[in-house]
Amino acid sequence: SVNLAWNCITLDNTRHSNIFIAALKPLAKVSFLNIAHNRLQDRGMSILYEDILPHMSDLHQLDLSYSFITPASFNNINVFFAIMPFRTLSLVGLIV
């Protein structure tokens, strides 16, 4: 399991995004990923669903609570659920 909650992660530019992808993409066997309480925003959600989560075939729990996302990100969530259902997805608070 990987817990990155409360780490001041902000994916607001290409450099930060590339570092985030490089750090998480190799973790294919992770079963629990917590990145709650970071400023992922919609850009970070797109990165997760396009570049990181498709490689995590054993992921069962994902916590994205308080990630400063907008309703636009829910389209990505719905599409991804059709491909790779989680046992638990936490999305609490700060939907902006």
N, C-alpha and C. Protein backbone atom coordinates (compact mmCIF):
# COMPACT_ATOMS: atom_id res chain seq x y z
N SER A 1 0.84 -1.18 0.00
CA SER A 1 0.00 0.00 0.00
C SER A 1 0.88 1.25 0.00
N VAL A 2 0.34 2.29 -0.61
CA VAL A 2 1.07 3.56 -0.71
C VAL A 2 0.16 4.65 -0.16
N ASN A 3 0.69 5.38 0.82
CA ASN A 3 -0.06 6.47 1.43
C ASN A 3 0.67 7.78 1.17
N LEU A 4 0.12 8.57 0.26
CA LEU A 4 0.69 9.88 -0.07
C LEU A 4 -0.22 11.02 0.40
N ALA A 5 -1.12 10.72 1.31
CA ALA A 5 -2.04 11.74 1.82
C ALA A 5 -1.27 12.85 2.53
N TRP A 6 -1.80 14.06 2.41
CA TRP A 6 -1.25 15.22 3.09
C TRP A 6 0.21 15.50 2.71
N ASN A 7 0.56 15.33 1.45
CA ASN A 7 1.94 15.54 1.02
C ASN A 7 2.14 16.81 0.18
N CYS A 8 1.16 17.67 0.16
CA CYS A 8 1.25 18.93 -0.61
C CYS A 8 1.54 18.68 -2.09
N ILE A 9 0.99 17.60 -2.62
CA ILE A 9 1.16 17.31 -4.05
C ILE A 9 0.25 18.24 -4.83
N THR A 10 0.83 18.97 -5.75
CA THR A 10 0.09 19.86 -6.64
C THR A 10 0.54 19.58 -8.06
N LEU A 11 -0.39 19.21 -8.90
CA LEU A 11 -0.05 18.87 -10.28
C LEU A 11 -0.50 20.00 -11.20
N ASP A 12 0.16 21.13 -11.07
CA ASP A 12 -0.25 22.31 -11.83
C ASP A 12 0.67 22.65 -12.99
N ASN A 13 1.69 21.82 -13.21
CA ASN A 13 2.57 22.06 -14.36
C ASN A 13 3.14 20.73 -14.85
N THR A 14 3.74 20.76 -16.01
CA THR A 14 4.25 19.54 -16.64
C THR A 14 5.33 18.87 -15.82
N ARG A 15 6.21 19.64 -15.23
CA ARG A 15 7.30 19.07 -14.43
C ARG A 15 6.76 18.25 -13.26
N HIS A 16 5.83 18.85 -12.51
CA HIS A 16 5.23 18.13 -11.38
C HIS A 16 4.49 16.88 -11.85
N SER A 17 3.79 17.01 -12.95
CA SER A 17 3.04 15.88 -13.50
C SER A 17 3.97 14.74 -13.89
N ASN A 18 5.07 15.06 -14.55
CA ASN A 18 6.02 14.02 -14.97
C ASN A 18 6.66 13.31 -13.78
N ILE A 19 6.96 14.05 -12.73
CA ILE A 19 7.52 13.45 -11.51
C ILE A 19 6.50 12.50 -10.88
N PHE A 20 5.26 12.93 -10.82
CA PHE A 20 4.18 12.13 -10.25
C PHE A 20 4.00 10.82 -11.04
N ILE A 21 3.98 10.92 -12.35
CA ILE A 21 3.84 9.74 -13.21
C ILE A 21 5.03 8.80 -13.02
N ALA A 22 6.24 9.35 -13.04
CA ALA A 22 7.44 8.52 -12.89
C ALA A 22 7.48 7.81 -11.54
N ALA A 23 6.96 8.43 -10.51
CA ALA A 23 6.98 7.83 -9.17
C ALA A 23 5.94 6.72 -9.03
N LEU A 24 4.76 6.90 -9.61
CA LEU A 24 3.68 5.94 -9.38
C LEU A 24 3.50 4.88 -10.46
N LYS A 25 3.87 5.17 -11.66
CA LYS A 25 3.63 4.23 -12.76
C LYS A 25 4.28 2.86 -12.55
N PRO A 26 5.47 2.78 -11.97
CA PRO A 26 6.09 1.45 -11.77
C PRO A 26 5.43 0.61 -10.67
N LEU A 27 4.52 1.17 -9.91
CA LEU A 27 3.94 0.46 -8.76
C LEU A 27 2.73 -0.37 -9.17
N ALA A 28 2.92 -1.28 -10.09
CA ALA A 28 1.83 -2.06 -10.68
C ALA A 28 1.12 -2.97 -9.68
N LYS A 29 1.78 -3.40 -8.64
CA LYS A 29 1.20 -4.36 -7.71
C LYS A 29 0.59 -3.72 -6.46
N VAL A 30 0.45 -2.42 -6.44
CA VAL A 30 -0.14 -1.73 -5.30
C VAL A 30 -1.62 -2.10 -5.18
N SER A 31 -2.05 -2.41 -3.96
CA SER A 31 -3.46 -2.73 -3.76
C SER A 31 -4.23 -1.58 -3.11
N PHE A 32 -3.53 -0.67 -2.42
CA PHE A 32 -4.16 0.48 -1.77
C PHE A 32 -3.36 1.72 -2.10
N LEU A 33 -4.03 2.73 -2.63
CA LEU A 33 -3.38 4.00 -2.95
C LEU A 33 -4.18 5.12 -2.32
N ASN A 34 -3.54 5.86 -1.44
CA ASN A 34 -4.18 6.99 -0.78
C ASN A 34 -3.45 8.27 -1.19
N ILE A 35 -4.11 9.10 -1.96
CA ILE A 35 -3.55 10.40 -2.33
C ILE A 35 -4.51 11.52 -1.95
N ALA A 36 -5.24 11.28 -0.88
CA ALA A 36 -6.20 12.25 -0.38
C ALA A 36 -5.49 13.48 0.19
N HIS A 37 -6.24 14.57 0.28
CA HIS A 37 -5.76 15.82 0.87
C HIS A 37 -4.55 16.40 0.13
N ASN A 38 -4.56 16.25 -1.18
CA ASN A 38 -3.57 16.88 -2.04
C ASN A 38 -4.34 17.69 -3.09
N ARG A 39 -3.67 18.58 -3.76
CA ARG A 39 -4.32 19.43 -4.76
C ARG A 39 -4.13 18.82 -6.15
N LEU A 40 -4.81 17.69 -6.37
CA LEU A 40 -4.70 17.01 -7.66
C LEU A 40 -5.42 17.78 -8.75
N GLN A 41 -6.57 18.28 -8.44
CA GLN A 41 -7.42 19.00 -9.38
C GLN A 41 -7.74 18.13 -10.59
N ASP A 42 -8.39 18.69 -11.57
CA ASP A 42 -8.80 17.92 -12.74
C ASP A 42 -7.61 17.43 -13.56
N ARG A 43 -6.57 18.21 -13.61
CA ARG A 43 -5.37 17.79 -14.35
C ARG A 43 -4.79 16.51 -13.74
N GLY A 44 -4.68 16.49 -12.43
CA GLY A 44 -4.17 15.31 -11.74
C GLY A 44 -5.06 14.10 -11.91
N MET A 45 -6.36 14.32 -11.93
CA MET A 45 -7.29 13.22 -12.14
C MET A 45 -7.10 12.63 -13.53
N SER A 46 -6.92 13.47 -14.53
CA SER A 46 -6.68 12.98 -15.89
C SER A 46 -5.39 12.17 -15.96
N ILE A 47 -4.36 12.66 -15.29
CA ILE A 47 -3.08 11.94 -15.25
C ILE A 47 -3.26 10.58 -14.60
N LEU A 48 -3.99 10.54 -13.50
CA LEU A 48 -4.24 9.27 -12.83
C LEU A 48 -4.92 8.28 -13.76
N TYR A 49 -6.00 8.70 -14.38
CA TYR A 49 -6.81 7.79 -15.16
C TYR A 49 -6.21 7.45 -16.52
N GLU A 50 -5.34 8.29 -17.04
CA GLU A 50 -4.74 8.02 -18.34
C GLU A 50 -3.36 7.37 -18.23
N ASP A 51 -2.56 7.78 -17.25
CA ASP A 51 -1.15 7.38 -17.21
C ASP A 51 -0.75 6.46 -16.07
N ILE A 52 -1.51 6.43 -15.00
CA ILE A 52 -1.06 5.69 -13.81
C ILE A 52 -1.96 4.49 -13.50
N LEU A 53 -3.23 4.71 -13.30
CA LEU A 53 -4.11 3.63 -12.84
C LEU A 53 -4.23 2.46 -13.81
N PRO A 54 -4.17 2.67 -15.12
CA PRO A 54 -4.25 1.49 -16.00
C PRO A 54 -3.13 0.47 -15.77
N HIS A 55 -2.05 0.87 -15.15
CA HIS A 55 -0.93 -0.03 -14.88
C HIS A 55 -1.05 -0.72 -13.52
N MET A 56 -2.02 -0.31 -12.71
CA MET A 56 -2.18 -0.85 -11.36
C MET A 56 -3.30 -1.89 -11.35
N SER A 57 -3.02 -3.03 -11.89
CA SER A 57 -4.04 -4.06 -12.06
C SER A 57 -4.51 -4.69 -10.74
N ASP A 58 -3.73 -4.56 -9.68
CA ASP A 58 -4.10 -5.13 -8.38
C ASP A 58 -4.73 -4.11 -7.44
N LEU A 59 -4.99 -2.91 -7.91
CA LEU A 59 -5.53 -1.85 -7.05
C LEU A 59 -6.96 -2.16 -6.63
N HIS A 60 -7.19 -2.17 -5.32
CA HIS A 60 -8.52 -2.46 -4.79
C HIS A 60 -9.11 -1.27 -4.04
N GLN A 61 -8.26 -0.41 -3.50
CA GLN A 61 -8.74 0.75 -2.76
C GLN A 61 -8.02 1.99 -3.25
N LEU A 62 -8.80 3.03 -3.52
CA LEU A 62 -8.26 4.30 -3.98
C LEU A 62 -8.94 5.41 -3.21
N ASP A 63 -8.16 6.25 -2.55
CA ASP A 63 -8.71 7.38 -1.80
C ASP A 63 -8.28 8.67 -2.46
N LEU A 64 -9.25 9.40 -3.00
CA LEU A 64 -9.02 10.68 -3.65
C LEU A 64 -9.74 11.81 -2.93
N SER A 65 -10.05 11.61 -1.67
CA SER A 65 -10.80 12.60 -0.90
C SER A 65 -10.05 13.92 -0.81
N TYR A 66 -10.82 14.99 -0.82
CA TYR A 66 -10.28 16.35 -0.66
C TYR A 66 -9.17 16.64 -1.67
N SER A 67 -9.43 16.33 -2.93
CA SER A 67 -8.42 16.49 -3.98
C SER A 67 -8.66 17.69 -4.89
N PHE A 68 -9.62 18.55 -4.51
CA PHE A 68 -9.89 19.77 -5.26
C PHE A 68 -10.28 19.48 -6.72
N ILE A 69 -11.17 18.54 -6.91
CA ILE A 69 -11.60 18.23 -8.26
C ILE A 69 -12.97 18.86 -8.54
N THR A 70 -13.30 18.97 -9.80
CA THR A 70 -14.59 19.51 -10.21
C THR A 70 -15.45 18.37 -10.75
N PRO A 71 -16.72 18.63 -10.98
CA PRO A 71 -17.57 17.58 -11.55
C PRO A 71 -17.07 17.03 -12.89
N ALA A 72 -16.27 17.80 -13.61
CA ALA A 72 -15.72 17.31 -14.88
C ALA A 72 -14.90 16.04 -14.69
N SER A 73 -14.25 15.90 -13.57
CA SER A 73 -13.44 14.71 -13.30
C SER A 73 -14.28 13.46 -13.12
N PHE A 74 -15.54 13.62 -12.79
CA PHE A 74 -16.39 12.45 -12.59
C PHE A 74 -16.62 11.68 -13.88
N ASN A 75 -16.51 12.34 -15.02
CA ASN A 75 -16.59 11.62 -16.29
C ASN A 75 -15.45 10.62 -16.39
N ASN A 76 -14.25 11.04 -16.01
CA ASN A 76 -13.10 10.12 -16.01
C ASN A 76 -13.32 8.96 -15.05
N ILE A 77 -13.87 9.27 -13.90
CA ILE A 77 -14.11 8.24 -12.88
C ILE A 77 -15.09 7.20 -13.42
N ASN A 78 -16.17 7.66 -14.01
CA ASN A 78 -17.17 6.73 -14.55
C ASN A 78 -16.60 5.85 -15.66
N VAL A 79 -15.84 6.44 -16.55
CA VAL A 79 -15.23 5.68 -17.64
C VAL A 79 -14.26 4.65 -17.07
N PHE A 80 -13.46 5.08 -16.10
CA PHE A 80 -12.46 4.17 -15.55
C PHE A 80 -13.09 3.01 -14.78
N PHE A 81 -14.21 3.29 -14.09
CA PHE A 81 -14.90 2.22 -13.38
C PHE A 81 -15.36 1.12 -14.32
N ALA A 82 -15.72 1.48 -15.53
CA ALA A 82 -16.14 0.47 -16.50
C ALA A 82 -14.99 -0.44 -16.89
N ILE A 83 -13.78 0.09 -16.86
CA ILE A 83 -12.60 -0.67 -17.24
C ILE A 83 -12.03 -1.46 -16.07
N MET A 84 -11.95 -0.82 -14.89
CA MET A 84 -11.26 -1.40 -13.75
C MET A 84 -11.99 -1.08 -12.46
N PRO A 85 -12.97 -1.88 -12.08
CA PRO A 85 -13.72 -1.58 -10.86
C PRO A 85 -12.89 -1.77 -9.59
N PHE A 86 -12.99 -0.81 -8.71
CA PHE A 86 -12.32 -0.88 -7.41
C PHE A 86 -13.28 -1.52 -6.41
N ARG A 87 -12.71 -2.05 -5.37
CA ARG A 87 -13.57 -2.49 -4.28
C ARG A 87 -14.01 -1.29 -3.46
N THR A 88 -13.10 -0.33 -3.28
CA THR A 88 -13.41 0.85 -2.50
C THR A 88 -12.83 2.09 -3.18
N LEU A 89 -13.67 3.08 -3.39
CA LEU A 89 -13.23 4.38 -3.88
C LEU A 89 -13.75 5.42 -2.92
N SER A 90 -12.84 6.22 -2.33
CA SER A 90 -13.23 7.28 -1.42
C SER A 90 -13.08 8.62 -2.12
N LEU A 91 -14.18 9.36 -2.16
CA LEU A 91 -14.19 10.70 -2.76
C LEU A 91 -15.02 11.60 -1.85
N VAL A 92 -14.41 12.09 -0.80
CA VAL A 92 -15.10 12.89 0.18
C VAL A 92 -14.62 14.32 0.08
N GLY A 93 -15.51 15.29 0.10
CA GLY A 93 -15.19 16.69 0.27
C GLY A 93 -14.44 17.38 -0.86
N LEU A 94 -14.54 18.68 -0.82
CA LEU A 94 -13.87 19.62 -1.72
C LEU A 94 -14.03 19.30 -3.19
N ILE A 95 -15.26 19.09 -3.57
CA ILE A 95 -15.59 19.06 -4.99
C ILE A 95 -15.90 20.51 -5.35
N VAL A 96 -15.05 21.10 -6.14
CA VAL A 96 -15.17 22.54 -6.42
C VAL A 96 -15.80 22.83 -7.75
